[in-house]
Amino acid sequence: MAIRKVLIVDDDPDIRKIGRLSLTGLGRWDVCLASSGKEALQLAPIERPDVILLDITMADMDGIETLNKLKEHPSTKTTAVIMTATRFDQKEVDICVQQGAVGILGKPFNPMTLPAEITQMVENN
């Protein structure tokens, strides 16, 4: 699958900025940004990203709930979703994979390797 567009969903503006700079610069991908799960649910069906980077821990709606809703929506149910977290345990990893995530990335991102990490996770799924 050729990645052309990525939606970054994170309540931390610095993470969104680092991700956008890395993916537009090194990845040459179009990037959309959402600061909450609710915003992601509104934006994803319109933007139709190839990949969604989704923070596990957000205030209004956590990443797992957002993931479930994305997988229920007809236009996003097959979209590759990669969960992101500063810290996570095996239970969270298992839940995310069971709910349809293709992988989990640790934060903060390494901007030099982020496009390759995303590509590898999507291709290996």
C-alpha atoms as a PDB file:
ATOM      1  CA  MET A   1       0.000   0.000   0.000  1.00  0.00           C
ATOM      2  CA  ALA A   2       1.378   3.373  -0.952  1.00  0.00           C
ATOM      3  CA  ILE A   3       0.933   5.872   1.859  1.00  0.00           C
ATOM      4  CA  ARG A   4      -0.135   9.307   0.679  1.00  0.00           C
ATOM      5  CA  LYS A   5      -2.003  10.830   3.614  1.00  0.00           C
ATOM      6  CA  VAL A   6      -1.635  10.499   7.384  1.00  0.00           C
ATOM      7  CA  LEU A   7      -3.924  11.782  10.141  1.00  0.00           C
ATOM      8  CA  ILE A   8      -2.106  12.527  13.405  1.00  0.00           C
ATOM      9  CA  VAL A   9      -4.407  12.519  16.439  1.00  0.00           C
ATOM     10  CA  ASP A  10      -2.793  13.810  19.631  1.00  0.00           C
ATOM     11  CA  ASP A  11      -3.721  16.333  22.303  1.00  0.00           C
ATOM     12  CA  ASP A  12      -0.080  17.480  22.555  1.00  0.00           C
ATOM     13  CA  PRO A  13       0.609  20.239  19.996  1.00  0.00           C
ATOM     14  CA  ASP A  14       4.354  19.497  20.046  1.00  0.00           C
ATOM     15  CA  ILE A  15       3.782  15.867  19.045  1.00  0.00           C
ATOM     16  CA  ARG A  16       1.481  16.969  16.213  1.00  0.00           C
ATOM     17  CA  LYS A  17       4.095  19.481  15.031  1.00  0.00           C
ATOM     18  CA  ILE A  18       7.018  17.011  15.127  1.00  0.00           C
ATOM     19  CA  GLY A  19       4.943  14.378  13.343  1.00  0.00           C
ATOM     20  CA  ARG A  20       3.783  16.796  10.655  1.00  0.00           C
ATOM     21  CA  LEU A  21       7.287  18.131   9.984  1.00  0.00           C
ATOM     22  CA  SER A  22       8.745  14.631   9.759  1.00  0.00           C
ATOM     23  CA  LEU A  23       6.034  13.158   7.567  1.00  0.00           C
ATOM     24  CA  THR A  24       5.753  16.076   5.157  1.00  0.00           C
ATOM     25  CA  GLY A  25       9.522  16.574   4.928  1.00  0.00           C
ATOM     26  CA  LEU A  26      10.985  13.070   4.925  1.00  0.00           C
ATOM     27  CA  GLY A  27       7.877  11.067   4.075  1.00  0.00           C
ATOM     28  CA  ARG A  28       6.551  13.522   1.483  1.00  0.00           C
ATOM     29  CA  TRP A  29       3.048  12.698   2.700  1.00  0.00           C
ATOM     30  CA  ASP A  30       0.033  14.927   3.162  1.00  0.00           C
ATOM     31  CA  VAL A  31      -0.708  15.301   6.868  1.00  0.00           C
ATOM     32  CA  CYS A  32      -3.954  16.203   8.639  1.00  0.00           C
ATOM     33  CA  LEU A  33      -4.047  17.032  12.334  1.00  0.00           C
ATOM     34  CA  ALA A  34      -6.638  16.429  15.050  1.00  0.00           C
ATOM     35  CA  SER A  35      -6.288  17.353  18.712  1.00  0.00           C
ATOM     36  CA  SER A  36      -8.928  14.960  20.074  1.00  0.00           C
ATOM     37  CA  GLY A  37     -10.719  11.715  19.387  1.00  0.00           C
ATOM     38  CA  LYS A  38     -13.927  13.581  18.586  1.00  0.00           C
ATOM     39  CA  GLU A  39     -12.126  15.754  16.050  1.00  0.00           C
ATOM     40  CA  ALA A  40     -10.546  12.654  14.493  1.00  0.00           C
ATOM     41  CA  LEU A  41     -13.950  11.012  14.088  1.00  0.00           C
ATOM     42  CA  GLN A  42     -15.194  14.091  12.230  1.00  0.00           C
ATOM     43  CA  LEU A  43     -12.068  14.547  10.102  1.00  0.00           C
ATOM     44  CA  ALA A  44     -11.177  10.961   9.118  1.00  0.00           C
ATOM     45  CA  PRO A  45     -14.236  10.234   6.919  1.00  0.00           C
ATOM     46  CA  ILE A  46     -13.703  13.530   5.077  1.00  0.00           C
ATOM     47  CA  GLU A  47      -9.920  13.369   4.640  1.00  0.00           C
ATOM     48  CA  ARG A  48      -9.751   9.574   4.047  1.00  0.00           C
ATOM     49  CA  PRO A  49      -6.179   9.085   5.333  1.00  0.00           C
ATOM     50  CA  ASP A  50      -4.212   5.951   4.491  1.00  0.00           C
ATOM     51  CA  VAL A  51      -2.857   5.809   8.049  1.00  0.00           C
ATOM     52  CA  ILE A  52      -3.983   7.262  11.377  1.00  0.00           C
ATOM     53  CA  LEU A  53      -1.503   7.850  14.222  1.00  0.00           C
ATOM     54  CA  LEU A  54      -3.716   7.788  17.314  1.00  0.00           C
ATOM     55  CA  ASP A  55      -2.658   8.711  20.847  1.00  0.00           C
ATOM     56  CA  ILE A  56      -3.844   6.189  23.442  1.00  0.00           C
ATOM     57  CA  THR A  57      -4.238   8.747  26.251  1.00  0.00           C
ATOM     58  CA  MET A  58      -6.405  11.771  25.489  1.00  0.00           C
ATOM     59  CA  ALA A  59      -8.752  13.734  27.729  1.00  0.00           C
ATOM     60  CA  ASP A  60     -12.148  13.756  26.003  1.00  0.00           C
ATOM     61  CA  MET A  61     -12.138  10.320  24.388  1.00  0.00           C
ATOM     62  CA  ASP A  62      -9.228   7.945  24.796  1.00  0.00           C
ATOM     63  CA  GLY A  63      -7.492   6.333  21.858  1.00  0.00           C
ATOM     64  CA  ILE A  64      -9.009   2.893  22.368  1.00  0.00           C
ATOM     65  CA  GLU A  65     -12.555   4.282  22.281  1.00  0.00           C
ATOM     66  CA  THR A  66     -11.651   6.365  19.224  1.00  0.00           C
ATOM     67  CA  LEU A  67     -10.120   3.289  17.550  1.00  0.00           C
ATOM     68  CA  ASN A  68     -13.322   1.307  18.151  1.00  0.00           C
ATOM     69  CA  LYS A  69     -15.457   4.049  16.613  1.00  0.00           C
ATOM     70  CA  LEU A  70     -13.106   4.377  13.608  1.00  0.00           C
ATOM     71  CA  LYS A  71     -13.318   0.623  13.004  1.00  0.00           C
ATOM     72  CA  GLU A  72     -17.137   0.796  13.140  1.00  0.00           C
ATOM     73  CA  HIS A  73     -17.405   3.569  10.517  1.00  0.00           C
ATOM     74  CA  PRO A  74     -17.768   2.319   6.915  1.00  0.00           C
ATOM     75  CA  SER A  75     -15.264   4.806   5.474  1.00  0.00           C
ATOM     76  CA  THR A  76     -12.528   4.196   8.084  1.00  0.00           C
ATOM     77  CA  LYS A  77     -12.967   0.554   9.093  1.00  0.00           C
ATOM     78  CA  THR A  78     -10.104  -0.602   6.830  1.00  0.00           C
ATOM     79  CA  THR A  79      -7.805   2.372   7.516  1.00  0.00           C
ATOM     80  CA  ALA A  80      -4.482   1.389   9.105  1.00  0.00           C
ATOM     81  CA  VAL A  81      -4.327   2.748  12.664  1.00  0.00           C
ATOM     82  CA  ILE A  82      -1.074   2.968  14.625  1.00  0.00           C
ATOM     83  CA  MET A  83      -1.471   3.745  18.307  1.00  0.00           C
ATOM     84  CA  THR A  84       1.012   6.085  20.001  1.00  0.00           C
ATOM     85  CA  ALA A  85       1.901   6.418  23.676  1.00  0.00           C
ATOM     86  CA  THR A  86       4.569   7.722  25.995  1.00  0.00           C
ATOM     87  CA  ARG A  87       4.109   4.622  28.146  1.00  0.00           C
ATOM     88  CA  PHE A  88       2.080   1.509  27.582  1.00  0.00           C
ATOM     89  CA  ASP A  89       1.815  -1.973  29.029  1.00  0.00           C
ATOM     90  CA  GLN A  90       1.257  -5.332  27.370  1.00  0.00           C
ATOM     91  CA  LYS A  91      -2.447  -5.278  28.250  1.00  0.00           C
ATOM     92  CA  GLU A  92      -2.903  -2.023  26.294  1.00  0.00           C
ATOM     93  CA  VAL A  93      -0.934  -3.439  23.368  1.00  0.00           C
ATOM     94  CA  ASP A  94      -3.126  -6.548  23.324  1.00  0.00           C
ATOM     95  CA  ILE A  95      -6.343  -4.506  23.481  1.00  0.00           C
ATOM     96  CA  CYS A  96      -5.220  -2.207  20.661  1.00  0.00           C
ATOM     97  CA  VAL A  97      -4.255  -5.111  18.403  1.00  0.00           C
ATOM     98  CA  GLN A  98      -7.517  -6.939  19.173  1.00  0.00           C
ATOM     99  CA  GLN A  99      -9.419  -3.775  18.235  1.00  0.00           C
ATOM    100  CA  GLY A 100      -7.625  -3.534  14.877  1.00  0.00           C
ATOM    101  CA  ALA A 101      -4.507  -1.401  15.375  1.00  0.00           C
ATOM    102  CA  VAL A 102      -1.551  -2.414  13.190  1.00  0.00           C
ATOM    103  CA  GLY A 103       1.025  -1.441  15.819  1.00  0.00           C
ATOM    104  CA  ILE A 104       2.120   0.880  18.597  1.00  0.00           C
ATOM    105  CA  LEU A 105       4.754   3.620  18.399  1.00  0.00           C
ATOM    106  CA  GLY A 106       6.457   5.119  21.422  1.00  0.00           C
ATOM    107  CA  LYS A 107       6.572   8.871  21.946  1.00  0.00           C
ATOM    108  CA  PRO A 108       8.321  11.147  21.527  1.00  0.00           C
ATOM    109  CA  PHE A 109       8.851  10.220  17.889  1.00  0.00           C
ATOM    110  CA  ASN A 110      12.249  10.135  16.255  1.00  0.00           C
ATOM    111  CA  PRO A 111      11.523  12.443  13.306  1.00  0.00           C
ATOM    112  CA  MET A 112      14.342  10.921  11.251  1.00  0.00           C
ATOM    113  CA  THR A 113      12.880   7.396  11.390  1.00  0.00           C
ATOM    114  CA  LEU A 114       9.132   8.042  11.757  1.00  0.00           C
ATOM    115  CA  PRO A 115       8.181   7.631   8.061  1.00  0.00           C
ATOM    116  CA  ALA A 116      10.104   4.346   7.821  1.00  0.00           C
ATOM    117  CA  GLU A 117       8.574   3.031  11.062  1.00  0.00           C
ATOM    118  CA  ILE A 118       5.062   3.802   9.840  1.00  0.00           C
ATOM    119  CA  THR A 119       5.715   2.238   6.439  1.00  0.00           C
ATOM    120  CA  GLN A 120       7.129  -0.919   8.028  1.00  0.00           C
ATOM    121  CA  MET A 121       4.163  -1.348  10.396  1.00  0.00           C
ATOM    122  CA  VAL A 122       1.639  -0.893   7.601  1.00  0.00           C
ATOM    123  CA  GLU A 123       3.467  -3.226   5.197  1.00  0.00           C
ATOM    124  CA  ASN A 124       3.946  -5.930   7.853  1.00  0.00           C
ATOM    125  CA  ASN A 125       0.273  -5.994   8.709  1.00  0.00           C
END
